[in-house]
C-alpha cells in the first residue's frame, strides 16, 4: 500500500466504510439530533405558553372568563388593540414603500459598489443598539430637536411642531428598526427573478413601466408577502419605541401588558398576551394559506 493510500485510509474503518457514513446510519444519533431542539422549544416556548393560558383563565374563585370578557368589551382595551393593529399596518406599508425601490436598485445595479452601498446603508444602522437608535430619534423629533430646527430655518413653519408622543414618531422609529427585515426579504426574492424576462417584455413592445407591472412585480410578490408578514408580526409586539416615543393616546398592547404587570394584574396581562398571540397565529395562518393558493403549482 502506498503512502498516499495509507494517509487516506485513516478516515476509513476496517470494513472500508467512511466515518461520516457510519455516523449517518446511526439511527439513535439522528433521533438525538432531532429531539434536542424540539426539547428546547418545548421547555422554553410551549410550557410558558401553557402557563400564560392557564393564568388567563384562573381568578380568585377559580376558572373564569372575566379577563377575556373585560379585554373584549371595555373601550380602553379595544382602543389599544386597534391602535396596535393600525400601527403595525402603517409600519409595514412604510417599510415596503422604502425597501422595495432600494432592493430593486440593489439587484439591478450594474456596478457591485452600488449594491454594496445600498445594502450597507440599510444594514449598518441595524447593528447599532435599538435603544440607541430610539434615543437618537428622540433628539431628532423633540420640540427643539434637529427636525424642528430645520423646518424653522427653511421657513416651513414658524413654531415647533409636536412630533414627540405621537403615532408618527412611533411609526418612524419602528420603520427605521424593521426596514432591514423587509429589505432582505425583497432582495433575496428579486435576486431569483431572471432579468431577461423584463428584456423580453421590452422586445415584445412593452414599455418599461408596463413590463415592470406585468412581469417583475408579480414575480416579486413572494418577497412582498414574506417581508410584510415578518414586519407586521414583529411590529405588533414592540415595546421600547411606543414607551419612549409614544403617549397615552397611541399606546400599544405591549405597553398595556407591562402596566398591568406593574399593577399586579398578571391574570389580565396574561389574557392580553394570549389574545395578541392568537391574533398573530390567525394572521400567519391566513397569510400562508393565501400565499400557498397563489404560488403553489397546481397540476
C-alpha atoms as a PDB file:
ATOM      1  CA  UNK A   1       0.000   0.000   0.000  1.00  0.00           C
ATOM      2  CA  UNK A   2       1.416   3.397  -0.976  1.00  0.00           C
ATOM      3  CA  UNK A   3       1.886   6.275   1.455  1.00  0.00           C
ATOM      4  CA  UNK A   4      -0.981   8.235  -0.154  1.00  0.00           C
ATOM      5  CA  UNK A   5      -3.328   5.280   0.225  1.00  0.00           C
ATOM      6  CA  UNK A   6      -2.309   4.836   3.866  1.00  0.00           C
ATOM      7  CA  UNK A   7      -2.919   8.511   4.677  1.00  0.00           C
ATOM      8  CA  UNK A   8      -6.350   8.370   3.049  1.00  0.00           C
ATOM      9  CA  UNK A   9      -7.331   5.174   4.830  1.00  0.00           C
ATOM     10  CA  UNK A  10      -7.060   6.865   8.228  1.00  0.00           C
ATOM     11  CA  UNK A  11     -10.679   8.080   7.910  1.00  0.00           C
ATOM     12  CA  UNK A  12     -11.971   4.621   6.921  1.00  0.00           C
ATOM     13  CA  UNK A  13     -12.644   1.741   9.297  1.00  0.00           C
ATOM     14  CA  UNK A  14     -11.633  -1.877   8.828  1.00  0.00           C
ATOM     15  CA  UNK A  15     -14.647  -2.610   6.633  1.00  0.00           C
ATOM     16  CA  UNK A  16     -13.853   0.248   4.267  1.00  0.00           C
ATOM     17  CA  UNK A  17     -16.828   2.423   5.354  1.00  0.00           C
ATOM     18  CA  UNK A  18     -16.089   6.141   5.835  1.00  0.00           C
ATOM     19  CA  UNK A  19     -16.707   7.516   9.322  1.00  0.00           C
ATOM     20  CA  UNK A  20     -19.262  10.059   8.050  1.00  0.00           C
ATOM     21  CA  UNK A  21     -21.355   7.239   6.534  1.00  0.00           C
ATOM     22  CA  UNK A  22     -21.232   5.291   9.782  1.00  0.00           C
ATOM     23  CA  UNK A  23     -22.493   8.341  11.740  1.00  0.00           C
ATOM     24  CA  UNK A  24     -25.288   8.926   9.221  1.00  0.00           C
ATOM     25  CA  UNK A  25     -26.519   5.363   9.697  1.00  0.00           C
ATOM     26  CA  UNK A  26     -26.740   5.670  13.475  1.00  0.00           C
ATOM     27  CA  UNK A  27     -30.498   5.944  13.964  1.00  0.00           C
ATOM     28  CA  UNK A  28     -30.177   6.700  17.642  1.00  0.00           C
ATOM     29  CA  UNK A  29     -27.855   9.644  16.984  1.00  0.00           C
ATOM     30  CA  UNK A  30     -30.240  11.056  14.364  1.00  0.00           C
ATOM     31  CA  UNK A  31     -33.106  10.907  16.866  1.00  0.00           C
ATOM     32  CA  UNK A  32     -30.987  12.703  19.469  1.00  0.00           C
ATOM     33  CA  UNK A  33     -30.028  15.438  16.990  1.00  0.00           C
ATOM     34  CA  UNK A  34     -33.708  15.933  16.098  1.00  0.00           C
ATOM     35  CA  UNK A  35     -35.105  15.742  19.635  1.00  0.00           C
ATOM     36  CA  UNK A  36     -32.671  18.162  21.283  1.00  0.00           C
ATOM     37  CA  UNK A  37     -34.001  21.318  19.523  1.00  0.00           C
ATOM     38  CA  UNK A  38     -37.581  20.067  19.930  1.00  0.00           C
ATOM     39  CA  UNK A  39     -36.999  19.627  23.648  1.00  0.00           C
ATOM     40  CA  UNK A  40     -35.528  23.121  23.858  1.00  0.00           C
ATOM     41  CA  UNK A  41     -38.617  24.598  22.134  1.00  0.00           C
ATOM     42  CA  UNK A  42     -40.896  22.552  24.399  1.00  0.00           C
ATOM     43  CA  UNK A  43     -39.244  23.791  27.568  1.00  0.00           C
ATOM     44  CA  UNK A  44     -38.832  27.443  26.584  1.00  0.00           C
ATOM     45  CA  UNK A  45     -41.917  28.128  24.491  1.00  0.00           C
ATOM     46  CA  UNK A  46     -44.756  25.654  24.819  1.00  0.00           C
ATOM     47  CA  UNK A  47     -44.604  25.268  28.597  1.00  0.00           C
ATOM     48  CA  UNK A  48     -44.512  29.044  29.079  1.00  0.00           C
ATOM     49  CA  UNK A  49     -47.433  29.482  26.664  1.00  0.00           C
ATOM     50  CA  UNK A  50     -49.464  26.889  28.560  1.00  0.00           C
ATOM     51  CA  UNK A  51     -48.648  28.718  31.790  1.00  0.00           C
ATOM     52  CA  UNK A  52     -49.848  32.036  30.343  1.00  0.00           C
ATOM     53  CA  UNK A  53     -53.034  30.427  29.034  1.00  0.00           C
ATOM     54  CA  UNK A  54     -53.751  28.799  32.380  1.00  0.00           C
ATOM     55  CA  UNK A  55     -53.164  32.071  34.243  1.00  0.00           C
ATOM     56  CA  UNK A  56     -55.563  33.944  31.938  1.00  0.00           C
ATOM     57  CA  UNK A  57     -58.427  31.614  32.921  1.00  0.00           C
ATOM     58  CA  UNK A  58     -57.776  31.467  36.688  1.00  0.00           C
ATOM     59  CA  UNK A  59     -59.224  34.062  39.043  1.00  0.00           C
ATOM     60  CA  UNK A  60     -59.674  34.389  42.792  1.00  0.00           C
ATOM     61  CA  UNK A  61     -62.627  31.977  42.679  1.00  0.00           C
ATOM     62  CA  UNK A  62     -61.151  29.530  40.176  1.00  0.00           C
ATOM     63  CA  UNK A  63     -61.904  29.137  36.463  1.00  0.00           C
ATOM     64  CA  UNK A  64     -63.299  32.300  34.858  1.00  0.00           C
ATOM     65  CA  UNK A  65     -63.779  34.110  31.532  1.00  0.00           C
ATOM     66  CA  UNK A  66     -63.848  37.523  33.226  1.00  0.00           C
ATOM     67  CA  UNK A  67     -60.451  38.633  31.950  1.00  0.00           C
ATOM     68  CA  UNK A  68     -61.289  37.877  28.323  1.00  0.00           C
ATOM     69  CA  UNK A  69     -64.708  39.497  28.662  1.00  0.00           C
ATOM     70  CA  UNK A  70     -63.005  42.602  30.022  1.00  0.00           C
ATOM     71  CA  UNK A  71     -60.409  42.946  27.258  1.00  0.00           C
ATOM     72  CA  UNK A  72     -63.009  42.281  24.549  1.00  0.00           C
ATOM     73  CA  UNK A  73     -65.701  44.657  25.835  1.00  0.00           C
ATOM     74  CA  UNK A  74     -64.101  47.599  27.641  1.00  0.00           C
ATOM     75  CA  UNK A  75     -63.317  50.575  25.346  1.00  0.00           C
ATOM     76  CA  UNK A  76     -59.752  51.051  26.616  1.00  0.00           C
ATOM     77  CA  UNK A  77     -58.609  47.558  25.661  1.00  0.00           C
ATOM     78  CA  UNK A  78     -60.403  47.657  22.314  1.00  0.00           C
ATOM     79  CA  UNK A  79     -58.829  51.036  21.522  1.00  0.00           C
ATOM     80  CA  UNK A  80     -55.326  49.804  22.396  1.00  0.00           C
ATOM     81  CA  UNK A  81     -55.782  46.653  20.297  1.00  0.00           C
ATOM     82  CA  UNK A  82     -56.984  48.650  17.273  1.00  0.00           C
ATOM     83  CA  UNK A  83     -54.119  51.120  17.698  1.00  0.00           C
ATOM     84  CA  UNK A  84     -51.649  48.208  17.806  1.00  0.00           C
ATOM     85  CA  UNK A  85     -53.046  46.766  14.575  1.00  0.00           C
ATOM     86  CA  UNK A  86     -53.121  50.212  12.934  1.00  0.00           C
ATOM     87  CA  UNK A  87     -49.509  50.911  13.886  1.00  0.00           C
ATOM     88  CA  UNK A  88     -48.453  47.507  12.590  1.00  0.00           C
ATOM     89  CA  UNK A  89     -50.126  48.167   9.235  1.00  0.00           C
ATOM     90  CA  UNK A  90     -48.632  51.671   8.920  1.00  0.00           C
ATOM     91  CA  UNK A  91     -45.115  50.447   9.722  1.00  0.00           C
ATOM     92  CA  UNK A  92     -45.467  47.556   7.267  1.00  0.00           C
ATOM     93  CA  UNK A  93     -46.592  49.884   4.467  1.00  0.00           C
ATOM     94  CA  UNK A  94     -43.803  52.372   5.182  1.00  0.00           C
ATOM     95  CA  UNK A  95     -41.175  49.611   5.211  1.00  0.00           C
ATOM     96  CA  UNK A  96     -42.491  48.255   1.914  1.00  0.00           C
ATOM     97  CA  UNK A  97     -42.508  51.674   0.239  1.00  0.00           C
ATOM     98  CA  UNK A  98     -38.925  52.346   1.328  1.00  0.00           C
ATOM     99  CA  UNK A  99     -37.449  48.864   0.930  1.00  0.00           C
ATOM    100  CA  UNK A 100     -38.903  47.906  -2.454  1.00  0.00           C
ATOM    101  CA  UNK A 101     -37.137  50.545  -4.585  1.00  0.00           C
ATOM    102  CA  UNK A 102     -33.938  50.094  -2.570  1.00  0.00           C
ATOM    103  CA  UNK A 103     -33.975  46.324  -3.092  1.00  0.00           C
ATOM    104  CA  UNK A 104     -34.820  46.761  -6.794  1.00  0.00           C
ATOM    105  CA  UNK A 105     -31.944  49.198  -7.339  1.00  0.00           C
ATOM    106  CA  UNK A 106     -29.500  46.997  -5.437  1.00  0.00           C
ATOM    107  CA  UNK A 107     -30.387  43.939  -7.539  1.00  0.00           C
ATOM    108  CA  UNK A 108     -30.437  45.766 -10.881  1.00  0.00           C
ATOM    109  CA  UNK A 109     -27.301  47.835 -10.211  1.00  0.00           C
ATOM    110  CA  UNK A 110     -24.636  47.207 -12.850  1.00  0.00           C
ATOM    111  CA  UNK A 111     -21.767  48.137 -10.517  1.00  0.00           C
ATOM    112  CA  UNK A 112     -21.192  45.991  -7.399  1.00  0.00           C
ATOM    113  CA  UNK A 113     -20.219  49.102  -5.430  1.00  0.00           C
ATOM    114  CA  UNK A 114     -23.739  50.483  -5.823  1.00  0.00           C
ATOM    115  CA  UNK A 115     -25.237  47.268  -4.469  1.00  0.00           C
ATOM    116  CA  UNK A 116     -22.845  47.283  -1.516  1.00  0.00           C
ATOM    117  CA  UNK A 117     -23.593  50.935  -0.715  1.00  0.00           C
ATOM    118  CA  UNK A 118     -27.360  50.397  -0.754  1.00  0.00           C
ATOM    119  CA  UNK A 119     -27.219  47.197   1.277  1.00  0.00           C
ATOM    120  CA  UNK A 120     -24.721  48.648   3.733  1.00  0.00           C
ATOM    121  CA  UNK A 121     -26.700  51.857   4.134  1.00  0.00           C
ATOM    122  CA  UNK A 122     -29.732  49.859   5.252  1.00  0.00           C
ATOM    123  CA  UNK A 123     -27.999  47.152   7.289  1.00  0.00           C
ATOM    124  CA  UNK A 124     -25.290  49.109   9.127  1.00  0.00           C
ATOM    125  CA  UNK A 125     -27.802  51.017  11.330  1.00  0.00           C
ATOM    126  CA  UNK A 126     -29.282  47.616  12.245  1.00  0.00           C
ATOM    127  CA  UNK A 127     -26.043  46.710  14.014  1.00  0.00           C
ATOM    128  CA  UNK A 128     -26.463  49.659  16.395  1.00  0.00           C
ATOM    129  CA  UNK A 129     -28.377  49.051  19.626  1.00  0.00           C
ATOM    130  CA  UNK A 130     -32.127  49.516  19.294  1.00  0.00           C
ATOM    131  CA  UNK A 131     -32.197  51.679  22.411  1.00  0.00           C
ATOM    132  CA  UNK A 132     -29.510  53.971  20.992  1.00  0.00           C
ATOM    133  CA  UNK A 133     -31.469  54.424  17.771  1.00  0.00           C
ATOM    134  CA  UNK A 134     -34.666  55.241  19.643  1.00  0.00           C
ATOM    135  CA  UNK A 135     -32.869  57.826  21.805  1.00  0.00           C
ATOM    136  CA  UNK A 136     -31.432  59.302  18.606  1.00  0.00           C
ATOM    137  CA  UNK A 137     -34.957  59.722  17.250  1.00  0.00           C
ATOM    138  CA  UNK A 138     -35.900  61.494  20.494  1.00  0.00           C
ATOM    139  CA  UNK A 139     -33.148  64.027  19.816  1.00  0.00           C
ATOM    140  CA  UNK A 140     -34.337  64.490  16.229  1.00  0.00           C
ATOM    141  CA  UNK A 141     -38.075  64.718  16.946  1.00  0.00           C
ATOM    142  CA  UNK A 142     -38.233  66.674  20.200  1.00  0.00           C
ATOM    143  CA  UNK A 143     -39.615  70.229  20.307  1.00  0.00           C
ATOM    144  CA  UNK A 144     -36.203  71.880  19.981  1.00  0.00           C
ATOM    145  CA  UNK A 145     -34.763  68.962  18.032  1.00  0.00           C
ATOM    146  CA  UNK A 146     -32.991  68.774  14.715  1.00  0.00           C
ATOM    147  CA  UNK A 147     -36.134  68.348  12.598  1.00  0.00           C
ATOM    148  CA  UNK A 148     -37.951  71.354  14.077  1.00  0.00           C
ATOM    149  CA  UNK A 149     -34.818  73.466  13.810  1.00  0.00           C
ATOM    150  CA  UNK A 150     -34.541  72.638  10.102  1.00  0.00           C
ATOM    151  CA  UNK A 151     -38.236  73.324   9.467  1.00  0.00           C
ATOM    152  CA  UNK A 152     -37.996  76.747  11.112  1.00  0.00           C
ATOM    153  CA  UNK A 153     -34.665  77.524   9.427  1.00  0.00           C
ATOM    154  CA  UNK A 154     -36.194  76.986   5.958  1.00  0.00           C
ATOM    155  CA  UNK A 155     -39.331  78.956   6.995  1.00  0.00           C
ATOM    156  CA  UNK A 156     -41.578  75.914   6.503  1.00  0.00           C
ATOM    157  CA  UNK A 157     -43.094  76.543   9.935  1.00  0.00           C
ATOM    158  CA  UNK A 158     -42.991  79.467  12.348  1.00  0.00           C
ATOM    159  CA  UNK A 159     -43.108  77.422  15.545  1.00  0.00           C
ATOM    160  CA  UNK A 160     -42.042  73.931  16.599  1.00  0.00           C
ATOM    161  CA  UNK A 161     -44.313  71.034  15.656  1.00  0.00           C
ATOM    162  CA  UNK A 162     -45.209  68.407  18.235  1.00  0.00           C
ATOM    163  CA  UNK A 163     -43.674  65.220  16.855  1.00  0.00           C
ATOM    164  CA  UNK A 164     -42.932  63.501  20.148  1.00  0.00           C
ATOM    165  CA  UNK A 165     -45.541  61.286  21.821  1.00  0.00           C
ATOM    166  CA  UNK A 166     -47.451  60.799  18.584  1.00  0.00           C
ATOM    167  CA  UNK A 167     -48.215  57.837  16.345  1.00  0.00           C
ATOM    168  CA  UNK A 168     -45.976  59.403  13.692  1.00  0.00           C
ATOM    169  CA  UNK A 169     -42.940  59.312  15.997  1.00  0.00           C
ATOM    170  CA  UNK A 170     -43.602  55.673  16.906  1.00  0.00           C
ATOM    171  CA  UNK A 171     -44.047  54.663  13.256  1.00  0.00           C
ATOM    172  CA  UNK A 172     -40.880  56.481  12.144  1.00  0.00           C
ATOM    173  CA  UNK A 173     -38.764  54.781  14.782  1.00  0.00           C
ATOM    174  CA  UNK A 174     -40.262  51.323  14.203  1.00  0.00           C
ATOM    175  CA  UNK A 175     -39.853  51.690  10.433  1.00  0.00           C
ATOM    176  CA  UNK A 176     -36.189  52.527  10.922  1.00  0.00           C
ATOM    177  CA  UNK A 177     -35.728  49.421  13.081  1.00  0.00           C
ATOM    178  CA  UNK A 178     -37.730  46.944  10.949  1.00  0.00           C
ATOM    179  CA  UNK A 179     -36.701  48.168   7.486  1.00  0.00           C
ATOM    180  CA  UNK A 180     -33.812  45.640   7.108  1.00  0.00           C
ATOM    181  CA  UNK A 181     -36.217  42.697   7.516  1.00  0.00           C
ATOM    182  CA  UNK A 182     -38.316  43.897   4.600  1.00  0.00           C
ATOM    183  CA  UNK A 183     -35.271  44.822   2.501  1.00  0.00           C
ATOM    184  CA  UNK A 184     -33.538  41.451   2.895  1.00  0.00           C
ATOM    185  CA  UNK A 185     -36.718  39.546   2.116  1.00  0.00           C
ATOM    186  CA  UNK A 186     -37.304  41.560  -1.054  1.00  0.00           C
ATOM    187  CA  UNK A 187     -33.670  41.476  -2.132  1.00  0.00           C
ATOM    188  CA  UNK A 188     -33.478  37.704  -1.725  1.00  0.00           C
ATOM    189  CA  UNK A 189     -36.623  37.261  -3.813  1.00  0.00           C
ATOM    190  CA  UNK A 190     -35.604  39.722  -6.533  1.00  0.00           C
ATOM    191  CA  UNK A 191     -32.229  38.039  -6.996  1.00  0.00           C
ATOM    192  CA  UNK A 192     -34.044  34.958  -8.241  1.00  0.00           C
ATOM    193  CA  UNK A 193     -36.002  36.852 -10.918  1.00  0.00           C
ATOM    194  CA  UNK A 194     -34.466  36.454 -14.360  1.00  0.00           C
ATOM    195  CA  UNK A 195     -33.602  39.890 -15.762  1.00  0.00           C
ATOM    196  CA  UNK A 196     -34.155  38.536 -19.277  1.00  0.00           C
ATOM    197  CA  UNK A 197     -37.911  38.395 -18.622  1.00  0.00           C
ATOM    198  CA  UNK A 198     -38.266  42.178 -18.500  1.00  0.00           C
ATOM    199  CA  UNK A 199     -35.946  42.413 -21.500  1.00  0.00           C
ATOM    200  CA  UNK A 200     -38.211  40.017 -23.390  1.00  0.00           C
ATOM    201  CA  UNK A 201     -41.233  42.133 -22.442  1.00  0.00           C
ATOM    202  CA  UNK A 202     -39.483  45.211 -23.860  1.00  0.00           C
ATOM    203  CA  UNK A 203     -38.670  43.340 -27.068  1.00  0.00           C
ATOM    204  CA  UNK A 204     -42.351  42.425 -27.359  1.00  0.00           C
ATOM    205  CA  UNK A 205     -43.236  46.111 -27.250  1.00  0.00           C
ATOM    206  CA  UNK A 206     -43.982  46.689 -23.568  1.00  0.00           C
ATOM    207  CA  UNK A 207     -42.865  49.992 -22.121  1.00  0.00           C
ATOM    208  CA  UNK A 208     -40.567  49.826 -19.053  1.00  0.00           C
ATOM    209  CA  UNK A 209     -43.391  50.723 -16.644  1.00  0.00           C
ATOM    210  CA  UNK A 210     -45.772  48.158 -18.121  1.00  0.00           C
ATOM    211  CA  UNK A 211     -43.059  45.497 -18.227  1.00  0.00           C
ATOM    212  CA  UNK A 212     -42.352  46.131 -14.554  1.00  0.00           C
ATOM    213  CA  UNK A 213     -46.036  45.987 -13.543  1.00  0.00           C
ATOM    214  CA  UNK A 214     -46.912  42.943 -15.662  1.00  0.00           C
ATOM    215  CA  UNK A 215     -43.725  40.903 -15.267  1.00  0.00           C
ATOM    216  CA  UNK A 216     -41.425  41.944 -12.426  1.00  0.00           C
ATOM    217  CA  UNK A 217     -43.974  42.997  -9.805  1.00  0.00           C
ATOM    218  CA  UNK A 218     -45.974  39.720  -9.845  1.00  0.00           C
ATOM    219  CA  UNK A 219     -42.753  37.709  -9.581  1.00  0.00           C
ATOM    220  CA  UNK A 220     -41.699  39.759  -6.549  1.00  0.00           C
ATOM    221  CA  UNK A 221     -44.956  39.095  -4.679  1.00  0.00           C
ATOM    222  CA  UNK A 222     -43.490  36.242  -2.568  1.00  0.00           C
ATOM    223  CA  UNK A 223     -40.881  38.661  -1.215  1.00  0.00           C
ATOM    224  CA  UNK A 224     -43.558  41.269  -0.542  1.00  0.00           C
ATOM    225  CA  UNK A 225     -45.729  38.760   1.325  1.00  0.00           C
ATOM    226  CA  UNK A 226     -42.916  37.272   3.419  1.00  0.00           C
ATOM    227  CA  UNK A 227     -41.374  40.645   4.261  1.00  0.00           C
ATOM    228  CA  UNK A 228     -44.737  42.214   5.123  1.00  0.00           C
ATOM    229  CA  UNK A 229     -45.708  39.263   7.300  1.00  0.00           C
ATOM    230  CA  UNK A 230     -42.399  39.375   9.163  1.00  0.00           C
ATOM    231  CA  UNK A 231     -42.519  43.142   9.741  1.00  0.00           C
ATOM    232  CA  UNK A 232     -46.190  43.170  10.766  1.00  0.00           C
ATOM    233  CA  UNK A 233     -45.812  40.349  13.305  1.00  0.00           C
ATOM    234  CA  UNK A 234     -42.700  41.951  14.815  1.00  0.00           C
ATOM    235  CA  UNK A 235     -44.407  45.361  14.954  1.00  0.00           C
ATOM    236  CA  UNK A 236     -47.337  44.005  16.980  1.00  0.00           C
ATOM    237  CA  UNK A 237     -45.059  43.152  19.898  1.00  0.00           C
ATOM    238  CA  UNK A 238     -42.939  46.310  20.013  1.00  0.00           C
ATOM    239  CA  UNK A 239     -42.469  47.837  23.452  1.00  0.00           C
ATOM    240  CA  UNK A 240     -39.489  50.217  23.685  1.00  0.00           C
ATOM    241  CA  UNK A 241     -40.359  52.560  20.804  1.00  0.00           C
ATOM    242  CA  UNK A 242     -44.009  53.127  21.885  1.00  0.00           C
ATOM    243  CA  UNK A 243     -42.880  53.519  25.512  1.00  0.00           C
ATOM    244  CA  UNK A 244     -40.270  56.207  24.766  1.00  0.00           C
ATOM    245  CA  UNK A 245     -41.757  57.979  21.739  1.00  0.00           C
ATOM    246  CA  UNK A 246     -45.491  57.381  22.143  1.00  0.00           C
ATOM    247  CA  UNK A 247     -48.100  58.722  24.501  1.00  0.00           C
ATOM    248  CA  UNK A 248     -51.326  57.639  26.217  1.00  0.00           C
ATOM    249  CA  UNK A 249     -53.363  58.205  23.044  1.00  0.00           C
ATOM    250  CA  UNK A 250     -51.232  55.823  20.961  1.00  0.00           C
ATOM    251  CA  UNK A 251     -50.432  53.111  23.499  1.00  0.00           C
ATOM    252  CA  UNK A 252     -49.802  49.603  22.169  1.00  0.00           C
ATOM    253  CA  UNK A 253     -50.640  46.199  23.630  1.00  0.00           C
ATOM    254  CA  UNK A 254     -47.135  45.595  24.953  1.00  0.00           C
ATOM    255  CA  UNK A 255     -47.244  48.809  26.989  1.00  0.00           C
ATOM    256  CA  UNK A 256     -50.663  47.982  28.435  1.00  0.00           C
ATOM    257  CA  UNK A 257     -49.483  44.484  29.343  1.00  0.00           C
ATOM    258  CA  UNK A 258     -46.468  45.976  31.116  1.00  0.00           C
ATOM    259  CA  UNK A 259     -48.685  48.407  33.052  1.00  0.00           C
ATOM    260  CA  UNK A 260     -50.925  45.590  34.251  1.00  0.00           C
ATOM    261  CA  UNK A 261     -47.911  43.556  35.322  1.00  0.00           C
ATOM    262  CA  UNK A 262     -46.621  46.504  37.354  1.00  0.00           C
ATOM    263  CA  UNK A 263     -50.073  46.860  38.950  1.00  0.00           C
ATOM    264  CA  UNK A 264     -50.074  43.143  39.870  1.00  0.00           C
ATOM    265  CA  UNK A 265     -52.859  42.344  37.376  1.00  0.00           C
ATOM    266  CA  UNK A 266     -50.896  39.422  35.972  1.00  0.00           C
ATOM    267  CA  UNK A 267     -54.039  37.466  35.050  1.00  0.00           C
ATOM    268  CA  UNK A 268     -55.327  40.315  32.900  1.00  0.00           C
ATOM    269  CA  UNK A 269     -51.866  40.752  31.370  1.00  0.00           C
ATOM    270  CA  UNK A 270     -51.826  37.028  30.552  1.00  0.00           C
ATOM    271  CA  UNK A 271     -55.221  37.311  28.843  1.00  0.00           C
ATOM    272  CA  UNK A 272     -53.982  40.227  26.700  1.00  0.00           C
ATOM    273  CA  UNK A 273     -50.778  38.348  25.873  1.00  0.00           C
ATOM    274  CA  UNK A 274     -52.696  35.298  24.727  1.00  0.00           C
ATOM    275  CA  UNK A 275     -55.113  37.494  22.752  1.00  0.00           C
ATOM    276  CA  UNK A 276     -52.173  39.005  20.886  1.00  0.00           C
ATOM    277  CA  UNK A 277     -50.692  35.548  20.339  1.00  0.00           C
ATOM    278  CA  UNK A 278     -53.952  34.244  18.860  1.00  0.00           C
ATOM    279  CA  UNK A 279     -54.143  37.254  16.520  1.00  0.00           C
ATOM    280  CA  UNK A 280     -50.579  36.585  15.321  1.00  0.00           C
ATOM    281  CA  UNK A 281     -51.349  32.893  14.720  1.00  0.00           C
ATOM    282  CA  UNK A 282     -54.505  33.788  12.780  1.00  0.00           C
ATOM    283  CA  UNK A 283     -52.655  36.313  10.624  1.00  0.00           C
ATOM    284  CA  UNK A 284     -49.816  33.889   9.925  1.00  0.00           C
ATOM    285  CA  UNK A 285     -52.241  31.054   9.137  1.00  0.00           C
ATOM    286  CA  UNK A 286     -54.335  33.140   6.750  1.00  0.00           C
ATOM    287  CA  UNK A 287     -51.209  34.573   5.097  1.00  0.00           C
ATOM    288  CA  UNK A 288     -49.653  31.157   4.493  1.00  0.00           C
ATOM    289  CA  UNK A 289     -52.888  29.798   3.085  1.00  0.00           C
ATOM    290  CA  UNK A 290     -53.272  32.836   0.831  1.00  0.00           C
ATOM    291  CA  UNK A 291     -49.677  32.691  -0.404  1.00  0.00           C
ATOM    292  CA  UNK A 292     -49.993  28.949  -0.932  1.00  0.00           C
ATOM    293  CA  UNK A 293     -53.094  29.330  -3.068  1.00  0.00           C
ATOM    294  CA  UNK A 294     -51.257  31.758  -5.327  1.00  0.00           C
ATOM    295  CA  UNK A 295     -47.766  30.348  -5.603  1.00  0.00           C
ATOM    296  CA  UNK A 296     -48.132  26.578  -5.253  1.00  0.00           C
ATOM    297  CA  UNK A 297     -48.074  24.918  -8.657  1.00  0.00           C
ATOM    298  CA  UNK A 298     -51.355  23.179  -9.413  1.00  0.00           C
ATOM    299  CA  UNK A 299     -51.260  20.281 -11.840  1.00  0.00           C
END
